[in-house]
PDB file of all heavy atoms in Angstrom:
ATOM      1  N   ALA A   1       0.841  -1.247   0.029  1.00  0.00           N
ATOM      2  CA  ALA A   1      -0.008   0.045   0.013  1.00  0.00           C
ATOM      3  C   ALA A   1       0.925   1.229   0.017  1.00  0.00           C
ATOM      4  O   ALA A   1       0.599   2.239  -0.687  1.00  0.00           O
ATOM      5  CB  ALA A   1      -0.956  -0.029   1.227  1.00  0.00           C
ATOM      6  N   ALA A   2       1.853   1.251   0.814  1.00  0.00           N
ATOM      7  CA  ALA A   2       2.776   2.370   0.817  1.00  0.00           C
ATOM      8  C   ALA A   2       3.468   2.631  -0.520  1.00  0.00           C
ATOM      9  O   ALA A   2       3.508   3.695  -1.039  1.00  0.00           O
ATOM     10  CB  ALA A   2       3.902   2.199   1.953  1.00  0.00           C
ATOM     11  N   PHE A   3       4.040   1.586  -1.069  1.00  0.00           N
ATOM     12  CA  PHE A   3       4.709   1.708  -2.355  1.00  0.00           C
ATOM     13  C   PHE A   3       3.767   2.222  -3.489  1.00  0.00           C
ATOM     14  O   PHE A   3       4.093   3.030  -4.183  1.00  0.00           O
ATOM     15  CB  PHE A   3       5.359   0.373  -2.731  1.00  0.00           C
ATOM     16  CG  PHE A   3       6.228   0.430  -3.927  1.00  0.00           C
ATOM     17  CD1 PHE A   3       7.627   0.804  -3.686  1.00  0.00           C
ATOM     18  CD2 PHE A   3       5.869   0.300  -5.218  1.00  0.00           C
ATOM     19  CE1 PHE A   3       8.521   0.862  -4.770  1.00  0.00           C
ATOM     20  CE2 PHE A   3       6.788   0.388  -6.281  1.00  0.00           C
ATOM     21  CZ  PHE A   3       8.078   0.651  -6.036  1.00  0.00           C
ATOM     22  N   CYS A   4       2.478   1.615  -3.524  1.00  0.00           N
ATOM     23  CA  CYS A   4       1.518   1.949  -4.523  1.00  0.00           C
ATOM     24  C   CYS A   4       1.002   3.366  -4.310  1.00  0.00           C
ATOM     25  O   CYS A   4       0.451   3.959  -5.270  1.00  0.00           O
ATOM     26  CB  CYS A   4       0.390   0.937  -4.463  1.00  0.00           C
ATOM     27  SG  CYS A   4       0.798  -0.618  -5.183  1.00  0.00           S
ATOM     28  N   SER A   5       1.114   3.896  -3.116  1.00  0.00           N
ATOM     29  CA  SER A   5       0.601   5.272  -2.859  1.00  0.00           C
ATOM     30  C   SER A   5       1.401   6.301  -3.663  1.00  0.00           C
ATOM     31  O   SER A   5       0.843   7.340  -4.034  1.00  0.00           O
ATOM     32  CB  SER A   5       0.733   5.648  -1.402  1.00  0.00           C
ATOM     33  OG  SER A   5       2.010   5.771  -1.001  1.00  0.00           O
ATOM     34  N   LYS A   6       2.622   5.938  -4.099  1.00  0.00           N
ATOM     35  CA  LYS A   6       3.442   6.867  -4.882  1.00  0.00           C
ATOM     36  C   LYS A   6       3.912   6.334  -6.252  1.00  0.00           C
ATOM     37  O   LYS A   6       4.032   7.143  -7.129  1.00  0.00           O
ATOM     38  CB  LYS A   6       4.596   7.356  -4.059  1.00  0.00           C
ATOM     39  CG  LYS A   6       5.297   8.555  -4.493  1.00  0.00           C
ATOM     40  CD  LYS A   6       6.247   9.013  -3.474  1.00  0.00           C
ATOM     41  CE  LYS A   6       6.841  10.438  -3.661  1.00  0.00           C
ATOM     42  NZ  LYS A   6       7.749  10.868  -2.564  1.00  0.00           N
ATOM     43  N   TYR A   7       4.080   5.058  -6.303  1.00  0.00           N
ATOM     44  CA  TYR A   7       4.677   4.467  -7.505  1.00  0.00           C
ATOM     45  C   TYR A   7       3.781   3.308  -8.128  1.00  0.00           C
ATOM     46  O   TYR A   7       4.258   2.253  -8.407  1.00  0.00           O
ATOM     47  CB  TYR A   7       6.033   3.908  -7.112  1.00  0.00           C
ATOM     48  CG  TYR A   7       7.036   4.937  -6.617  1.00  0.00           C
ATOM     49  CD1 TYR A   7       7.393   5.005  -5.316  1.00  0.00           C
ATOM     50  CD2 TYR A   7       7.450   6.007  -7.544  1.00  0.00           C
ATOM     51  CE1 TYR A   7       8.274   6.101  -4.923  1.00  0.00           C
ATOM     52  CE2 TYR A   7       8.272   6.990  -7.028  1.00  0.00           C
ATOM     53  CZ  TYR A   7       8.745   6.954  -5.716  1.00  0.00           C
ATOM     54  OH  TYR A   7       9.562   8.033  -5.221  1.00  0.00           O
ATOM     55  N   SER A   8       2.470   3.612  -8.095  1.00  0.00           N
ATOM     56  CA  SER A   8       1.569   2.507  -8.547  1.00  0.00           C
ATOM     57  C   SER A   8       1.722   2.200  -9.979  1.00  0.00           C
ATOM     58  O   SER A   8       1.554   0.986 -10.418  1.00  0.00           O
ATOM     59  CB  SER A   8       0.111   2.906  -8.242  1.00  0.00           C
ATOM     60  OG  SER A   8      -0.200   4.170  -8.705  1.00  0.00           O
ATOM     61  N   GLN A   9       2.115   3.110 -10.821  1.00  0.00           N
ATOM     62  CA  GLN A   9       2.269   2.827 -12.234  1.00  0.00           C
ATOM     63  C   GLN A   9       3.312   1.791 -12.500  1.00  0.00           C
ATOM     64  O   GLN A   9       3.079   0.827 -13.248  1.00  0.00           O
ATOM     65  CB  GLN A   9       2.405   4.102 -13.088  1.00  0.00           C
ATOM     66  CG  GLN A   9       2.123   3.850 -14.568  1.00  0.00           C
ATOM     67  CD  GLN A   9       1.826   5.161 -15.389  1.00  0.00           C
ATOM     68  OE1 GLN A   9       1.665   6.145 -14.765  1.00  0.00           O
ATOM     69  NE2 GLN A   9       1.663   4.994 -16.671  1.00  0.00           N
ATOM     70  N   PRO A  10       4.590   2.112 -12.129  1.00  0.00           N
ATOM     71  CA  PRO A  10       5.555   1.079 -12.319  1.00  0.00           C
ATOM     72  C   PRO A  10       5.220  -0.221 -11.619  1.00  0.00           C
ATOM     73  O   PRO A  10       5.543  -1.310 -12.106  1.00  0.00           O
ATOM     74  CB  PRO A  10       6.873   1.699 -11.746  1.00  0.00           C
ATOM     75  CG  PRO A  10       6.443   2.966 -10.983  1.00  0.00           C
ATOM     76  CD  PRO A  10       5.104   3.273 -11.477  1.00  0.00           C
ATOM     77  N   PHE A  11       4.571  -0.231 -10.470  1.00  0.00           N
ATOM     78  CA  PHE A  11       4.255  -1.384  -9.816  1.00  0.00           C
ATOM     79  C   PHE A  11       3.323  -2.184 -10.666  1.00  0.00           C
ATOM     80  O   PHE A  11       3.433  -3.450 -10.825  1.00  0.00           O
ATOM     81  CB  PHE A  11       3.532  -1.074  -8.423  1.00  0.00           C
ATOM     82  CG  PHE A  11       3.079  -2.255  -7.703  1.00  0.00           C
ATOM     83  CD1 PHE A  11       3.880  -2.952  -6.865  1.00  0.00           C
ATOM     84  CD2 PHE A  11       1.756  -2.769  -7.853  1.00  0.00           C
ATOM     85  CE1 PHE A  11       3.489  -4.161  -6.164  1.00  0.00           C
ATOM     86  CE2 PHE A  11       1.326  -3.889  -7.214  1.00  0.00           C
ATOM     87  CZ  PHE A  11       2.188  -4.595  -6.368  1.00  0.00           C
ATOM     88  N   CYS A  12       2.324  -1.493 -11.265  1.00  0.00           N
ATOM     89  CA  CYS A  12       1.362  -2.176 -12.133  1.00  0.00           C
ATOM     90  C   CYS A  12       2.005  -2.807 -13.374  1.00  0.00           C
ATOM     91  O   CYS A  12       1.711  -3.982 -13.687  1.00  0.00           O
ATOM     92  CB  CYS A  12       0.227  -1.216 -12.566  1.00  0.00           C
ATOM     93  SG  CYS A  12      -0.963  -0.841 -11.263  1.00  0.00           S
ATOM     94  N   HIS A  13       2.949  -2.094 -13.892  1.00  0.00           N
ATOM     95  CA  HIS A  13       3.689  -2.620 -15.190  1.00  0.00           C
ATOM     96  C   HIS A  13       4.529  -3.730 -14.843  1.00  0.00           C
ATOM     97  O   HIS A  13       4.637  -4.661 -15.653  1.00  0.00           O
ATOM     98  CB  HIS A  13       4.409  -1.419 -15.781  1.00  0.00           C
ATOM     99  CG  HIS A  13       3.668  -0.614 -16.680  1.00  0.00           C
ATOM    100  ND1 HIS A  13       3.568   0.744 -16.537  1.00  0.00           N
ATOM    101  CD2 HIS A  13       2.912  -0.841 -17.736  1.00  0.00           C
ATOM    102  CE1 HIS A  13       2.833   1.307 -17.461  1.00  0.00           C
ATOM    103  NE2 HIS A  13       2.336   0.271 -18.207  1.00  0.00           N
ATOM    104  N   VAL A  14       5.064  -3.858 -13.579  1.00  0.00           N
ATOM    105  CA  VAL A  14       5.947  -4.909 -13.333  1.00  0.00           C
ATOM    106  C   VAL A  14       5.271  -6.035 -12.570  1.00  0.00           C
ATOM    107  O   VAL A  14       5.296  -7.175 -13.030  1.00  0.00           O
ATOM    108  CB  VAL A  14       7.179  -4.408 -12.451  1.00  0.00           C
ATOM    109  CG1 VAL A  14       7.971  -5.524 -11.927  1.00  0.00           C
ATOM    110  CG2 VAL A  14       7.975  -3.385 -13.143  1.00  0.00           C
ATOM    111  N   VAL A  15       4.622  -5.819 -11.449  1.00  0.00           N
ATOM    112  CA  VAL A  15       4.077  -6.909 -10.639  1.00  0.00           C
ATOM    113  C   VAL A  15       2.750  -7.264 -11.060  1.00  0.00           C
ATOM    114  O   VAL A  15       2.517  -8.492 -11.175  1.00  0.00           O
ATOM    115  CB  VAL A  15       4.102  -6.425  -9.158  1.00  0.00           C
ATOM    116  CG1 VAL A  15       3.589  -7.528  -8.176  1.00  0.00           C
ATOM    117  CG2 VAL A  15       5.449  -6.042  -8.676  1.00  0.00           C
ATOM    118  N   VAL A  16       1.767  -6.346 -11.234  1.00  0.00           N
ATOM    119  CA  VAL A  16       0.399  -6.728 -11.624  1.00  0.00           C
ATOM    120  C   VAL A  16       0.470  -7.387 -12.979  1.00  0.00           C
ATOM    121  O   VAL A  16      -0.216  -8.450 -13.131  1.00  0.00           O
ATOM    122  CB  VAL A  16      -0.547  -5.566 -11.639  1.00  0.00           C
ATOM    123  CG1 VAL A  16      -1.913  -5.830 -12.248  1.00  0.00           C
ATOM    124  CG2 VAL A  16      -0.663  -4.964 -10.183  1.00  0.00           C
ATOM    125  N   ALA A  17       1.271  -6.911 -13.937  1.00  0.00           N
ATOM    126  CA  ALA A  17       1.322  -7.608 -15.234  1.00  0.00           C
ATOM    127  C   ALA A  17       1.810  -8.970 -15.214  1.00  0.00           C
ATOM    128  O   ALA A  17       1.342  -9.928 -15.861  1.00  0.00           O
ATOM    129  CB  ALA A  17       2.304  -6.762 -16.163  1.00  0.00           C
ATOM    130  N   ALA A  18       2.791  -9.244 -14.238  1.00  0.00           N
ATOM    131  CA  ALA A  18       3.341 -10.590 -14.053  1.00  0.00           C
ATOM    132  C   ALA A  18       2.267 -11.488 -13.391  1.00  0.00           C
ATOM    133  O   ALA A  18       2.153 -12.675 -13.839  1.00  0.00           O
ATOM    134  CB  ALA A  18       4.579 -10.586 -13.181  1.00  0.00           C
ATOM    135  N   VAL A  19       1.486 -11.069 -12.555  1.00  0.00           N
ATOM    136  CA  VAL A  19       0.446 -11.790 -11.956  1.00  0.00           C
ATOM    137  C   VAL A  19      -0.635 -12.186 -12.983  1.00  0.00           C
ATOM    138  O   VAL A  19      -1.070 -13.257 -13.039  1.00  0.00           O
ATOM    139  CB  VAL A  19      -0.231 -11.081 -10.700  1.00  0.00           C
ATOM    140  CG1 VAL A  19      -1.542 -11.734 -10.273  1.00  0.00           C
ATOM    141  CG2 VAL A  19       0.789 -10.948  -9.575  1.00  0.00           C
ATOM    142  N   LEU A  20      -1.079 -11.209 -13.829  1.00  0.00           N
ATOM    143  CA  LEU A  20      -2.123 -11.451 -14.750  1.00  0.00           C
ATOM    144  C   LEU A  20      -1.701 -12.400 -15.756  1.00  0.00           C
ATOM    145  O   LEU A  20      -2.430 -13.222 -16.293  1.00  0.00           O
ATOM    146  CB  LEU A  20      -2.518 -10.075 -15.406  1.00  0.00           C
ATOM    147  CG  LEU A  20      -3.088  -9.045 -14.539  1.00  0.00           C
ATOM    148  CD1 LEU A  20      -3.360  -7.800 -15.273  1.00  0.00           C
ATOM    149  CD2 LEU A  20      -4.384  -9.557 -13.839  1.00  0.00           C
ATOM    150  N   GLN A  21      -0.300 -12.432 -16.125  1.00  0.00           N
ATOM    151  CA  GLN A  21       0.272 -13.277 -17.180  1.00  0.00           C
ATOM    152  C   GLN A  21       0.511 -14.667 -16.641  1.00  0.00           C
ATOM    153  O   GLN A  21       0.808 -15.620 -17.430  1.00  0.00           O
ATOM    154  CB  GLN A  21       1.366 -12.680 -17.855  1.00  0.00           C
ATOM    155  CG  GLN A  21       0.983 -11.394 -18.681  1.00  0.00           C
ATOM    156  CD  GLN A  21       2.151 -10.570 -19.076  1.00  0.00           C
ATOM    157  OE1 GLN A  21       3.307 -10.956 -18.746  1.00  0.00           O
ATOM    158  NE2 GLN A  21       1.920  -9.397 -19.607  1.00  0.00           N
ATOM    159  N   GLU A  22       0.583 -14.822 -15.415  1.00  0.00           N
ATOM    160  CA  GLU A  22       0.993 -16.086 -14.738  1.00  0.00           C
ATOM    161  C   GLU A  22      -0.020 -17.191 -15.131  1.00  0.00           C
ATOM    162  O   GLU A  22      -1.197 -16.967 -14.896  1.00  0.00           O
ATOM    163  CB  GLU A  22       1.095 -15.924 -13.218  1.00  0.00           C
ATOM    164  CG  GLU A  22       1.693 -17.073 -12.477  1.00  0.00           C
ATOM    165  CD  GLU A  22       3.138 -17.279 -12.607  1.00  0.00           C
ATOM    166  OE1 GLU A  22       3.833 -16.425 -13.200  1.00  0.00           O
ATOM    167  OE2 GLU A  22       3.610 -18.301 -12.086  1.00  0.00           O
ATOM    168  N   PRO A  23       0.481 -18.312 -15.697  1.00  0.00           N
ATOM    169  CA  PRO A  23      -0.495 -19.357 -16.060  1.00  0.00           C
ATOM    170  C   PRO A  23      -1.034 -19.976 -14.749  1.00  0.00           C
ATOM    171  O   PRO A  23      -0.438 -19.865 -13.625  1.00  0.00           O
ATOM    172  CB  PRO A  23       0.349 -20.373 -16.822  1.00  0.00           C
ATOM    173  CG  PRO A  23       1.708 -20.119 -16.436  1.00  0.00           C
ATOM    174  CD  PRO A  23       1.908 -18.661 -15.996  1.00  0.00           C
ATOM    175  N   GLY A  24      -2.209 -20.573 -14.828  1.00  0.00           N
ATOM    176  CA  GLY A  24      -2.803 -21.280 -13.685  1.00  0.00           C
ATOM    177  C   GLY A  24      -3.723 -20.386 -12.941  1.00  0.00           C
ATOM    178  O   GLY A  24      -3.907 -19.282 -13.226  1.00  0.00           O
ATOM    179  N   GLU A  25      -4.287 -20.957 -11.865  1.00  0.00           N
ATOM    180  CA  GLU A  25      -5.218 -20.228 -11.067  1.00  0.00           C
ATOM    181  C   GLU A  25      -4.676 -19.012 -10.331  1.00  0.00           C
ATOM    182  O   GLU A  25      -5.215 -17.974 -10.412  1.00  0.00           O
ATOM    183  CB  GLU A  25      -5.861 -21.189 -10.004  1.00  0.00           C
ATOM    184  CG  GLU A  25      -6.791 -22.206 -10.660  1.00  0.00           C
ATOM    185  CD  GLU A  25      -7.831 -21.639 -11.558  1.00  0.00           C
ATOM    186  OE1 GLU A  25      -8.619 -20.957 -11.033  1.00  0.00           O
ATOM    187  OE2 GLU A  25      -7.973 -22.093 -12.777  1.00  0.00           O
ATOM    188  N   GLY A  26      -3.659 -19.197  -9.579  1.00  0.00           N
ATOM    189  CA  GLY A  26      -3.068 -18.060  -8.773  1.00  0.00           C
ATOM    190  C   GLY A  26      -4.087 -17.267  -8.008  1.00  0.00           C
ATOM    191  O   GLY A  26      -4.181 -16.101  -8.052  1.00  0.00           O
ATOM    192  N   ALA A  27      -4.833 -18.133  -7.181  1.00  0.00           N
ATOM    193  CA  ALA A  27      -5.961 -17.515  -6.383  1.00  0.00           C
ATOM    194  C   ALA A  27      -5.514 -16.432  -5.429  1.00  0.00           C
ATOM    195  O   ALA A  27      -6.174 -15.336  -5.395  1.00  0.00           O
ATOM    196  CB  ALA A  27      -6.745 -18.647  -5.611  1.00  0.00           C
ATOM    197  N   GLU A  28      -4.436 -16.609  -4.720  1.00  0.00           N
ATOM    198  CA  GLU A  28      -4.031 -15.579  -3.782  1.00  0.00           C
ATOM    199  C   GLU A  28      -3.516 -14.379  -4.476  1.00  0.00           C
ATOM    200  O   GLU A  28      -3.691 -13.244  -3.991  1.00  0.00           O
ATOM    201  CB  GLU A  28      -2.931 -16.110  -2.820  1.00  0.00           C
ATOM    202  CG  GLU A  28      -3.430 -17.312  -1.820  1.00  0.00           C
ATOM    203  CD  GLU A  28      -4.620 -16.810  -1.019  1.00  0.00           C
ATOM    204  OE1 GLU A  28      -4.724 -15.555  -0.697  1.00  0.00           O
ATOM    205  OE2 GLU A  28      -5.325 -17.657  -0.574  1.00  0.00           O
ATOM    206  N   GLN A  29      -2.845 -14.568  -5.595  1.00  0.00           N
ATOM    207  CA  GLN A  29      -2.295 -13.438  -6.398  1.00  0.00           C
ATOM    208  C   GLN A  29      -3.505 -12.557  -6.921  1.00  0.00           C
ATOM    209  O   GLN A  29      -3.550 -11.432  -6.890  1.00  0.00           O
ATOM    210  CB  GLN A  29      -1.428 -13.895  -7.520  1.00  0.00           C
ATOM    211  CG  GLN A  29      -0.119 -14.425  -7.087  1.00  0.00           C
ATOM    212  CD  GLN A  29      -0.169 -15.953  -6.546  1.00  0.00           C
ATOM    213  OE1 GLN A  29      -1.206 -16.544  -6.585  1.00  0.00           O
ATOM    214  NE2 GLN A  29       0.969 -16.344  -6.019  1.00  0.00           N
ATOM    215  N   THR A  30      -4.482 -13.260  -7.436  1.00  0.00           N
ATOM    216  CA  THR A  30      -5.698 -12.611  -8.030  1.00  0.00           C
ATOM    217  C   THR A  30      -6.423 -11.810  -6.947  1.00  0.00           C
ATOM    218  O   THR A  30      -6.780 -10.630  -7.120  1.00  0.00           O
ATOM    219  CB  THR A  30      -6.561 -13.615  -8.659  1.00  0.00           C
ATOM    220  OG1 THR A  30      -5.895 -14.370  -9.670  1.00  0.00           O
ATOM    221  CG2 THR A  30      -7.831 -12.930  -9.285  1.00  0.00           C
ATOM    222  N   LYS A  31      -6.584 -12.403  -5.727  1.00  0.00           N
ATOM    223  CA  LYS A  31      -7.239 -11.795  -4.630  1.00  0.00           C
ATOM    224  C   LYS A  31      -6.423 -10.468  -4.249  1.00  0.00           C
ATOM    225  O   LYS A  31      -6.974  -9.473  -3.943  1.00  0.00           O
ATOM    226  CB  LYS A  31      -7.311 -12.684  -3.397  1.00  0.00           C
ATOM    227  CG  LYS A  31      -8.369 -13.723  -3.493  1.00  0.00           C
ATOM    228  CD  LYS A  31      -8.411 -14.557  -2.233  1.00  0.00           C
ATOM    229  CE  LYS A  31      -9.092 -15.829  -2.476  1.00  0.00           C
ATOM    230  NZ  LYS A  31      -8.849 -16.781  -1.303  1.00  0.00           N
ATOM    231  N   LEU A  32      -5.090 -10.628  -4.289  1.00  0.00           N
ATOM    232  CA  LEU A  32      -4.267  -9.443  -3.886  1.00  0.00           C
ATOM    233  C   LEU A  32      -4.460  -8.311  -4.949  1.00  0.00           C
ATOM    234  O   LEU A  32      -4.645  -7.173  -4.474  1.00  0.00           O
ATOM    235  CB  LEU A  32      -2.811  -9.907  -3.832  1.00  0.00           C
ATOM    236  CG  LEU A  32      -1.704  -8.825  -3.620  1.00  0.00           C
ATOM    237  CD1 LEU A  32      -1.995  -8.086  -2.282  1.00  0.00           C
ATOM    238  CD2 LEU A  32      -0.352  -9.355  -3.754  1.00  0.00           C
ATOM    239  N   VAL A  33      -4.433  -8.709  -6.218  1.00  0.00           N
ATOM    240  CA  VAL A  33      -4.634  -7.687  -7.259  1.00  0.00           C
ATOM    241  C   VAL A  33      -5.969  -6.951  -7.002  1.00  0.00           C
ATOM    242  O   VAL A  33      -6.107  -5.713  -7.075  1.00  0.00           O
ATOM    243  CB  VAL A  33      -4.464  -8.320  -8.659  1.00  0.00           C
ATOM    244  CG1 VAL A  33      -4.905  -7.223  -9.693  1.00  0.00           C
ATOM    245  CG2 VAL A  33      -2.978  -8.653  -8.945  1.00  0.00           C
ATOM    246  N   CYS A  34      -7.028  -7.715  -6.771  1.00  0.00           N
ATOM    247  CA  CYS A  34      -8.276  -7.206  -6.500  1.00  0.00           C
ATOM    248  C   CYS A  34      -8.370  -6.218  -5.428  1.00  0.00           C
ATOM    249  O   CYS A  34      -8.939  -5.165  -5.426  1.00  0.00           O
ATOM    250  CB  CYS A  34      -9.379  -8.294  -6.327  1.00  0.00           C
ATOM    251  SG  CYS A  34      -9.717  -9.316  -7.773  1.00  0.00           S
ATOM    252  N   GLU A  35      -7.622  -6.651  -4.324  1.00  0.00           N
ATOM    253  CA  GLU A  35      -7.526  -5.832  -3.131  1.00  0.00           C
ATOM    254  C   GLU A  35      -6.803  -4.508  -3.408  1.00  0.00           C
ATOM    255  O   GLU A  35      -7.256  -3.463  -2.956  1.00  0.00           O
ATOM    256  CB  GLU A  35      -6.908  -6.551  -1.928  1.00  0.00           C
ATOM    257  CG  GLU A  35      -7.078  -5.909  -0.637  1.00  0.00           C
ATOM    258  CD  GLU A  35      -6.649  -6.731   0.563  1.00  0.00           C
ATOM    259  OE1 GLU A  35      -6.547  -7.983   0.393  1.00  0.00           O
ATOM    260  OE2 GLU A  35      -6.299  -6.232   1.610  1.00  0.00           O
ATOM    261  N   LEU A  36      -5.820  -4.574  -4.206  1.00  0.00           N
ATOM    262  CA  LEU A  36      -5.082  -3.392  -4.518  1.00  0.00           C
ATOM    263  C   LEU A  36      -5.902  -2.511  -5.392  1.00  0.00           C
ATOM    264  O   LEU A  36      -5.779  -1.250  -5.212  1.00  0.00           O
ATOM    265  CB  LEU A  36      -3.726  -3.777  -5.230  1.00  0.00           C
ATOM    266  CG  LEU A  36      -2.654  -4.428  -4.411  1.00  0.00           C
ATOM    267  CD1 LEU A  36      -1.529  -4.957  -5.221  1.00  0.00           C
ATOM    268  CD2 LEU A  36      -2.133  -3.499  -3.311  1.00  0.00           C
TER     269      LEU A  36
END
């Protein structure tokens, strides 16, 4: 939350993009992205 408060765009390009592209269910990762 702290990092995303100032640097959410690079975070989305690096971390969120990797989560979305990850094959398989990734339930915890998907929940995390939803929460963010």
